Amino acid sequence: MKYIFAILLFITTIRVSGQTTASNDNTAKLTTEFRNKIISESKNGGKLDFWTPIKGHEYDGAMIAKGATAAENIYASNKEIAVIKWVLNLKKLGVKKDDIIYLYEALKGRKIRDDEISLVNFGIKNYSE
């Protein structure tokens, strides 16, 4: 009898924890409609277009993270900052990293480069809810 009770308790625990995990998942499902909307809003002055406003100034830069010393400060070009801002905004929408990379490749029409993956990682790392 104790053995059957233990098994039932174990199964119930698994179901409850599984439901809790699923209900706390706030990542957005990347449907075709959602994908198209993100791509559309990332071009030509859309809400997610951080590239058009910097045209002609892509290689100007700014400090994006202050280090303990001046030598440890992190600087980025406006082009790199645009990618980071784009990633931060997609994270706010609940988009997962793999989907962000997929969307970036679709937006740019090419495979993402290693330096761009570093920017994606920086944007995700610095995202706070």
Protein backbone atom coordinates (compact mmCIF):
# COMPACT_ATOMS: atom_id res chain seq x y z
CA MET A 1 0.00 0.00 0.00
CA LYS A 2 2.83 2.42 0.87
CA TYR A 3 4.47 1.56 -2.45
CA ILE A 4 1.32 2.46 -4.46
CA PHE A 5 0.89 5.69 -2.48
CA ALA A 6 4.51 6.65 -3.18
CA ILE A 7 4.06 6.05 -6.91
CA LEU A 8 0.86 8.14 -7.01
CA LEU A 9 2.58 10.93 -5.09
CA PHE A 10 5.53 10.82 -7.50
CA ILE A 11 3.25 11.00 -10.59
CA THR A 12 1.26 13.88 -9.09
CA THR A 13 4.47 15.77 -8.29
CA ILE A 14 5.72 15.36 -11.85
CA ARG A 15 2.42 16.61 -13.31
CA VAL A 16 2.24 19.62 -11.01
CA SER A 17 5.87 20.63 -11.61
CA GLY A 18 5.40 20.19 -15.36
CA GLN A 19 2.36 22.47 -15.32
CA THR A 20 4.17 25.07 -13.25
CA THR A 21 7.09 25.14 -15.66
CA ALA A 22 4.82 25.44 -18.67
CA SER A 23 2.75 28.24 -17.13
CA ASN A 24 5.87 30.25 -16.25
CA ASP A 25 7.25 30.03 -19.79
CA ASN A 26 6.85 33.53 -21.22
CA THR A 27 8.73 32.92 -24.48
CA ALA A 28 6.83 33.74 -27.62
CA LYS A 29 6.07 31.04 -30.13
CA LEU A 30 7.57 32.02 -33.46
CA THR A 31 4.60 31.63 -35.77
CA THR A 32 4.82 32.64 -39.42
CA GLU A 33 2.65 35.68 -38.68
CA PHE A 34 4.82 36.73 -35.70
CA ARG A 35 8.01 36.16 -37.73
CA ASN A 36 6.73 38.27 -40.62
CA LYS A 37 5.65 41.06 -38.26
CA ILE A 38 9.10 41.18 -36.63
CA ILE A 39 10.86 41.22 -40.01
CA SER A 40 8.51 43.94 -41.27
CA GLU A 41 8.93 46.09 -38.13
CA SER A 42 12.73 45.69 -38.39
CA LYS A 43 12.86 47.51 -41.75
CA ASN A 44 12.15 50.96 -43.16
CA GLY A 45 11.50 52.93 -39.99
CA GLY A 46 9.47 50.25 -38.20
CA LYS A 47 9.33 49.97 -34.41
CA LEU A 48 12.25 47.49 -34.45
CA ASP A 49 14.34 49.32 -37.08
CA PHE A 50 17.46 50.52 -35.32
CA TRP A 51 19.51 50.66 -38.53
CA THR A 52 17.80 53.37 -40.59
CA PRO A 53 18.33 56.17 -38.01
CA ILE A 54 22.10 55.58 -37.98
CA LYS A 55 22.65 55.60 -41.76
CA GLY A 56 25.86 57.46 -42.50
CA HIS A 57 27.00 57.09 -38.88
CA GLU A 58 27.22 53.29 -38.60
CA TYR A 59 30.85 53.35 -37.52
CA ASP A 60 30.59 56.16 -34.98
CA GLY A 61 30.67 54.67 -31.51
CA ALA A 62 29.81 54.97 -27.86
CA MET A 63 30.65 53.32 -24.57
CA ILE A 64 28.11 50.57 -23.84
CA ALA A 65 29.49 49.21 -20.57
CA LYS A 66 31.64 50.92 -17.93
CA GLY A 67 34.49 48.83 -16.61
CA ALA A 68 36.36 49.09 -13.32
CA THR A 69 39.06 51.07 -15.13
CA ALA A 70 39.08 53.09 -18.35
CA ALA A 71 40.89 50.22 -20.08
CA GLU A 72 38.02 47.86 -19.20
CA ASN A 73 35.26 50.04 -20.69
CA ILE A 74 33.41 48.43 -23.58
CA TYR A 75 32.79 50.47 -26.73
CA ALA A 76 30.67 49.62 -29.76
CA SER A 77 29.88 51.17 -33.11
CA ASN A 78 26.37 52.44 -33.79
CA LYS A 79 25.95 49.43 -36.10
CA GLU A 80 26.74 47.07 -33.21
CA ILE A 81 24.53 49.05 -30.82
CA ALA A 82 21.64 48.70 -33.29
CA VAL A 83 21.96 44.90 -33.14
CA ILE A 84 22.07 44.95 -29.32
CA LYS A 85 18.98 47.21 -29.12
CA TRP A 86 17.15 44.97 -31.58
CA VAL A 87 17.97 41.88 -29.49
CA LEU A 88 16.86 43.61 -26.27
CA ASN A 89 13.52 44.47 -27.85
CA LEU A 90 12.99 40.94 -29.13
CA LYS A 91 13.75 39.60 -25.64
CA LYS A 92 11.06 41.97 -24.30
CA LEU A 93 8.67 40.31 -26.75
CA GLY A 94 9.68 36.91 -25.36
CA VAL A 95 11.68 35.66 -28.35
CA LYS A 96 14.23 32.91 -27.62
CA LYS A 97 17.91 33.16 -28.62
CA ASP A 98 17.68 30.54 -31.39
CA ASP A 99 14.72 32.38 -32.88
CA ILE A 100 16.54 35.72 -32.61
CA ILE A 101 19.43 34.28 -34.62
CA TYR A 102 17.00 32.82 -37.16
CA LEU A 103 15.22 36.18 -37.49
CA TYR A 104 18.51 38.08 -37.83
CA GLU A 105 19.61 35.78 -40.65
CA ALA A 106 16.24 36.21 -42.37
CA LEU A 107 16.43 39.99 -41.95
CA LYS A 108 19.98 40.25 -43.29
CA GLY A 109 19.58 37.54 -45.93
CA ARG A 110 22.77 35.74 -44.86
CA LYS A 111 24.26 33.54 -42.16
CA ILE A 112 25.04 35.31 -38.89
CA ARG A 113 28.73 35.96 -38.19
CA ASP A 114 30.55 35.12 -34.95
CA ASP A 115 30.91 38.80 -34.01
CA GLU A 116 27.15 39.24 -34.45
CA ILE A 117 26.47 36.22 -32.24
CA SER A 118 28.60 37.95 -29.59
CA LEU A 119 26.33 41.00 -29.91
CA VAL A 120 23.24 38.79 -29.56
CA ASN A 121 24.74 37.21 -26.45
CA PHE A 122 25.58 40.66 -25.04
CA GLY A 123 22.01 41.84 -25.63
CA ILE A 124 20.54 38.74 -24.00
CA LYS A 125 22.96 38.93 -21.06
CA ASN A 126 22.07 42.56 -20.41
CA TYR A 127 18.31 42.08 -20.76
CA SER A 128 16.44 42.47 -17.51
CA GLU A 129 12.71 42.00 -17.10
